[in-house]
Amino acid sequence: MTQDERNKEIQHIEEMLSLHRKNLRRLEKQNAIHAEGEKKLALLNQIDAERETIASYEDRLRILKEVTIPQSFSEDGLPIHDEHVLSPPSPRFNAIPMLTQLDAPGGAVRLRDTFYVERQADTDLKMAMVNWGTTTTVRAPRQTRAFL
């Protein structure tokens, strides 16, 4: 649940609480009109149901307001409450599948690789290529190796 969803849920519960409290007051007024011996069982049951509903909404609202929602999650799915504190991974976290998908380090990194870090020179080259009527010289090392 995101912070926006949580706020909408809190607003919805507060609106429902307002409606049920208003309905409870109306039922209690009706109940007060009747003489003590003439209390209607259906009316008493409605009052009890409204009180239970209000208590349920109040509990949900209290829980929603007490619980903090983490803004991010770690790789093993655990919530990160403080970005500056490093926490150990969960014992059930298995990093092997993720590690087997990584390429072995070494050599040049391909342009489309997820680990490619764009440098300022790359950005400058892209900007120069867009301009009409310019000549761009690309300097490369004297020896290059072919990718296998």
C-alpha atoms as a PDB file:
ATOM      1  CA  MET A   1       0.000   0.000   0.000  1.00  0.00           C
ATOM      2  CA  THR A   2       1.456   3.335  -1.010  1.00  0.00           C
ATOM      3  CA  GLN A   3       1.253   6.496   1.070  1.00  0.00           C
ATOM      4  CA  ASP A   4      -1.471   7.910  -1.218  1.00  0.00           C
ATOM      5  CA  GLU A   5      -3.533   4.716  -0.951  1.00  0.00           C
ATOM      6  CA  ARG A   6      -3.085   4.781   2.817  1.00  0.00           C
ATOM      7  CA  ASN A   7      -4.239   8.408   3.028  1.00  0.00           C
ATOM      8  CA  LYS A   8      -7.297   7.624   0.877  1.00  0.00           C
ATOM      9  CA  GLU A   9      -8.117   4.643   3.104  1.00  0.00           C
ATOM     10  CA  ILE A  10      -7.816   6.804   6.231  1.00  0.00           C
ATOM     11  CA  GLN A  11     -10.074   9.453   4.674  1.00  0.00           C
ATOM     12  CA  HIS A  12     -12.627   6.802   3.670  1.00  0.00           C
ATOM     13  CA  ILE A  13     -12.673   5.298   7.175  1.00  0.00           C
ATOM     14  CA  GLU A  14     -13.089   8.733   8.771  1.00  0.00           C
ATOM     15  CA  GLU A  15     -16.046   9.440   6.458  1.00  0.00           C
ATOM     16  CA  MET A  16     -17.629   6.080   7.299  1.00  0.00           C
ATOM     17  CA  LEU A  17     -17.088   6.710  11.013  1.00  0.00           C
ATOM     18  CA  SER A  18     -18.852  10.051  10.703  1.00  0.00           C
ATOM     19  CA  LEU A  19     -21.836   8.447   8.957  1.00  0.00           C
ATOM     20  CA  HIS A  20     -22.127   5.589  11.465  1.00  0.00           C
ATOM     21  CA  ARG A  21     -21.818   7.929  14.469  1.00  0.00           C
ATOM     22  CA  LYS A  22     -24.559  10.111  13.017  1.00  0.00           C
ATOM     23  CA  ASN A  23     -26.740   7.041  12.490  1.00  0.00           C
ATOM     24  CA  LEU A  24     -26.029   5.861  16.064  1.00  0.00           C
ATOM     25  CA  ARG A  25     -27.126   9.222  17.481  1.00  0.00           C
ATOM     26  CA  ARG A  26     -30.342   9.019  15.443  1.00  0.00           C
ATOM     27  CA  LEU A  27     -31.053   5.489  16.703  1.00  0.00           C
ATOM     28  CA  GLU A  28     -30.344   6.479  20.303  1.00  0.00           C
ATOM     29  CA  LYS A  29     -32.776   9.400  19.985  1.00  0.00           C
ATOM     30  CA  GLN A  30     -35.443   7.005  18.694  1.00  0.00           C
ATOM     31  CA  ASN A  31     -34.690   4.676  21.576  1.00  0.00           C
ATOM     32  CA  ALA A  32     -35.043   7.503  24.121  1.00  0.00           C
ATOM     33  CA  ILE A  33     -38.504   8.367  22.798  1.00  0.00           C
ATOM     34  CA  HIS A  34     -39.911   4.952  23.686  1.00  0.00           C
ATOM     35  CA  ALA A  35     -40.939   4.267  27.254  1.00  0.00           C
ATOM     36  CA  GLU A  36     -38.722   1.851  29.189  1.00  0.00           C
ATOM     37  CA  GLY A  37     -41.091  -1.095  28.814  1.00  0.00           C
ATOM     38  CA  GLU A  38     -41.762  -0.434  25.142  1.00  0.00           C
ATOM     39  CA  LYS A  39     -38.177  -0.738  23.818  1.00  0.00           C
ATOM     40  CA  LYS A  40     -38.147  -2.443  20.450  1.00  0.00           C
ATOM     41  CA  LEU A  41     -35.743  -5.344  20.111  1.00  0.00           C
ATOM     42  CA  ALA A  42     -34.973  -4.498  16.477  1.00  0.00           C
ATOM     43  CA  LEU A  43     -33.970  -0.977  17.472  1.00  0.00           C
ATOM     44  CA  LEU A  44     -31.690  -2.259  20.238  1.00  0.00           C
ATOM     45  CA  ASN A  45     -30.084  -4.690  17.782  1.00  0.00           C
ATOM     46  CA  GLN A  46     -29.464  -1.845  15.320  1.00  0.00           C
ATOM     47  CA  ILE A  47     -27.828   0.226  18.064  1.00  0.00           C
ATOM     48  CA  ASP A  48     -25.555  -2.687  19.023  1.00  0.00           C
ATOM     49  CA  ALA A  49     -24.654  -3.286  15.362  1.00  0.00           C
ATOM     50  CA  GLU A  50     -23.763   0.395  14.878  1.00  0.00           C
ATOM     51  CA  ARG A  51     -21.570   0.367  17.993  1.00  0.00           C
ATOM     52  CA  GLU A  52     -19.736  -2.747  16.753  1.00  0.00           C
ATOM     53  CA  THR A  53     -19.257  -1.203  13.317  1.00  0.00           C
ATOM     54  CA  ILE A  54     -17.898   2.014  14.832  1.00  0.00           C
ATOM     55  CA  ALA A  55     -15.507   0.032  17.056  1.00  0.00           C
ATOM     56  CA  SER A  56     -14.298  -1.936  14.018  1.00  0.00           C
ATOM     57  CA  TYR A  57     -13.670   1.236  11.984  1.00  0.00           C
ATOM     58  CA  GLU A  58     -11.901   2.870  14.937  1.00  0.00           C
ATOM     59  CA  ASP A  59      -9.580  -0.152  15.255  1.00  0.00           C
ATOM     60  CA  ARG A  60      -8.764  -0.078  11.531  1.00  0.00           C
ATOM     61  CA  LEU A  61      -8.117   3.658  11.696  1.00  0.00           C
ATOM     62  CA  ARG A  62      -5.851   3.293  14.751  1.00  0.00           C
ATOM     63  CA  ILE A  63      -3.837   0.546  13.036  1.00  0.00           C
ATOM     64  CA  LEU A  64      -3.482   2.547   9.806  1.00  0.00           C
ATOM     65  CA  LYS A  65      -2.265   5.594  11.701  1.00  0.00           C
ATOM     66  CA  GLU A  66       0.200   3.613  13.852  1.00  0.00           C
ATOM     67  CA  VAL A  67       1.839   1.553  11.106  1.00  0.00           C
ATOM     68  CA  THR A  68       4.549   3.261   9.092  1.00  0.00           C
ATOM     69  CA  ILE A  69       4.825   2.306   5.447  1.00  0.00           C
ATOM     70  CA  PRO A  70       8.356   1.847   4.117  1.00  0.00           C
ATOM     71  CA  GLN A  71       9.135   3.826   0.995  1.00  0.00           C
ATOM     72  CA  SER A  72      11.422   1.159  -0.454  1.00  0.00           C
ATOM     73  CA  PHE A  73      12.249  -2.519  -0.228  1.00  0.00           C
ATOM     74  CA  SER A  74      15.532  -4.428  -0.337  1.00  0.00           C
ATOM     75  CA  GLU A  75      16.397  -7.040  -2.959  1.00  0.00           C
ATOM     76  CA  ASP A  76      15.119  -9.802  -0.686  1.00  0.00           C
ATOM     77  CA  GLY A  77      11.753  -8.067  -0.298  1.00  0.00           C
ATOM     78  CA  LEU A  78      12.170  -6.755   3.231  1.00  0.00           C
ATOM     79  CA  PRO A  79      11.064  -3.175   3.950  1.00  0.00           C
ATOM     80  CA  ILE A  80      13.748  -0.505   4.331  1.00  0.00           C
ATOM     81  CA  HIS A  81      12.708   1.905   7.069  1.00  0.00           C
ATOM     82  CA  ASP A  82      15.961   3.879   7.216  1.00  0.00           C
ATOM     83  CA  GLU A  83      17.984   4.368   4.012  1.00  0.00           C
ATOM     84  CA  HIS A  84      21.163   5.139   5.977  1.00  0.00           C
ATOM     85  CA  VAL A  85      21.221   1.943   8.054  1.00  0.00           C
ATOM     86  CA  LEU A  86      22.482  -1.220   6.393  1.00  0.00           C
ATOM     87  CA  SER A  87      20.671  -4.335   7.517  1.00  0.00           C
ATOM     88  CA  PRO A  88      21.808  -7.910   6.914  1.00  0.00           C
ATOM     89  CA  PRO A  89      19.934  -9.901   4.275  1.00  0.00           C
ATOM     90  CA  SER A  90      17.180 -12.244   5.306  1.00  0.00           C
ATOM     91  CA  PRO A  91      18.375 -15.828   5.992  1.00  0.00           C
ATOM     92  CA  ARG A  92      15.874 -17.079   3.415  1.00  0.00           C
ATOM     93  CA  PHE A  93      17.292 -14.784   0.701  1.00  0.00           C
ATOM     94  CA  ASN A  94      19.050 -16.756  -2.031  1.00  0.00           C
ATOM     95  CA  ALA A  95      21.352 -14.600  -4.151  1.00  0.00           C
ATOM     96  CA  ILE A  96      22.656 -17.431  -6.372  1.00  0.00           C
ATOM     97  CA  PRO A  97      20.000 -17.112  -9.129  1.00  0.00           C
ATOM     98  CA  MET A  98      20.671 -13.388  -9.346  1.00  0.00           C
ATOM     99  CA  LEU A  99      24.445 -13.871  -9.387  1.00  0.00           C
ATOM    100  CA  THR A 100      24.352 -16.500 -12.142  1.00  0.00           C
ATOM    101  CA  GLN A 101      22.659 -13.988 -14.455  1.00  0.00           C
ATOM    102  CA  LEU A 102      25.575 -11.555 -14.167  1.00  0.00           C
ATOM    103  CA  ASP A 103      28.358 -11.472 -16.757  1.00  0.00           C
ATOM    104  CA  ALA A 104      31.898 -12.207 -15.676  1.00  0.00           C
ATOM    105  CA  PRO A 105      33.845  -8.978 -15.088  1.00  0.00           C
ATOM    106  CA  GLY A 106      36.657  -7.968 -17.380  1.00  0.00           C
ATOM    107  CA  GLY A 107      37.264  -6.328 -20.730  1.00  0.00           C
ATOM    108  CA  ALA A 108      35.146  -3.667 -22.378  1.00  0.00           C
ATOM    109  CA  VAL A 109      31.509  -3.277 -21.449  1.00  0.00           C
ATOM    110  CA  ARG A 110      29.043  -3.273 -24.305  1.00  0.00           C
ATOM    111  CA  LEU A 111      27.025  -0.116 -24.862  1.00  0.00           C
ATOM    112  CA  ARG A 112      23.657  -1.793 -24.113  1.00  0.00           C
ATOM    113  CA  ASP A 113      24.941  -3.645 -21.016  1.00  0.00           C
ATOM    114  CA  THR A 114      23.086  -2.956 -17.768  1.00  0.00           C
ATOM    115  CA  PHE A 115      26.418  -2.123 -16.109  1.00  0.00           C
ATOM    116  CA  TYR A 116      27.484   0.420 -18.710  1.00  0.00           C
ATOM    117  CA  VAL A 117      28.079   3.795 -17.102  1.00  0.00           C
ATOM    118  CA  GLU A 118      27.546   6.686 -19.472  1.00  0.00           C
ATOM    119  CA  ARG A 119      30.407   9.172 -19.335  1.00  0.00           C
ATOM    120  CA  GLN A 120      30.398  12.877 -20.126  1.00  0.00           C
ATOM    121  CA  ALA A 121      32.207  12.112 -23.398  1.00  0.00           C
ATOM    122  CA  ASP A 122      29.321   9.840 -24.446  1.00  0.00           C
ATOM    123  CA  THR A 123      26.821  12.606 -23.808  1.00  0.00           C
ATOM    124  CA  ASP A 124      28.963  15.120 -25.701  1.00  0.00           C
ATOM    125  CA  LEU A 125      29.195  12.745 -28.673  1.00  0.00           C
ATOM    126  CA  LYS A 126      25.428  12.243 -28.769  1.00  0.00           C
ATOM    127  CA  MET A 127      24.887  16.010 -28.726  1.00  0.00           C
ATOM    128  CA  ALA A 128      27.456  16.534 -31.501  1.00  0.00           C
ATOM    129  CA  MET A 129      25.883  13.835 -33.693  1.00  0.00           C
ATOM    130  CA  VAL A 130      22.516  15.611 -33.591  1.00  0.00           C
ATOM    131  CA  ASN A 131      23.929  18.897 -34.917  1.00  0.00           C
ATOM    132  CA  TRP A 132      23.989  19.360 -38.695  1.00  0.00           C
ATOM    133  CA  GLY A 133      27.188  20.413 -40.409  1.00  0.00           C
ATOM    134  CA  THR A 134      29.626  19.375 -37.692  1.00  0.00           C
ATOM    135  CA  THR A 135      32.567  17.038 -37.913  1.00  0.00           C
ATOM    136  CA  THR A 136      33.277  14.841 -34.924  1.00  0.00           C
ATOM    137  CA  THR A 137      36.571  13.083 -34.383  1.00  0.00           C
ATOM    138  CA  VAL A 138      36.545  10.017 -32.154  1.00  0.00           C
ATOM    139  CA  ARG A 139      39.848   9.042 -30.607  1.00  0.00           C
ATOM    140  CA  ALA A 140      40.325   5.405 -29.738  1.00  0.00           C
ATOM    141  CA  PRO A 141      43.166   3.404 -28.215  1.00  0.00           C
ATOM    142  CA  ARG A 142      45.865   2.152 -30.596  1.00  0.00           C
ATOM    143  CA  GLN A 143      45.183  -1.490 -29.848  1.00  0.00           C
ATOM    144  CA  THR A 144      41.731  -2.961 -29.596  1.00  0.00           C
ATOM    145  CA  ARG A 145      40.634  -6.499 -28.903  1.00  0.00           C
ATOM    146  CA  ALA A 146      37.734  -8.166 -30.632  1.00  0.00           C
ATOM    147  CA  PHE A 147      34.903  -9.489 -28.517  1.00  0.00           C
ATOM    148  CA  LEU A 148      34.668 -13.262 -28.372  1.00  0.00           C
END
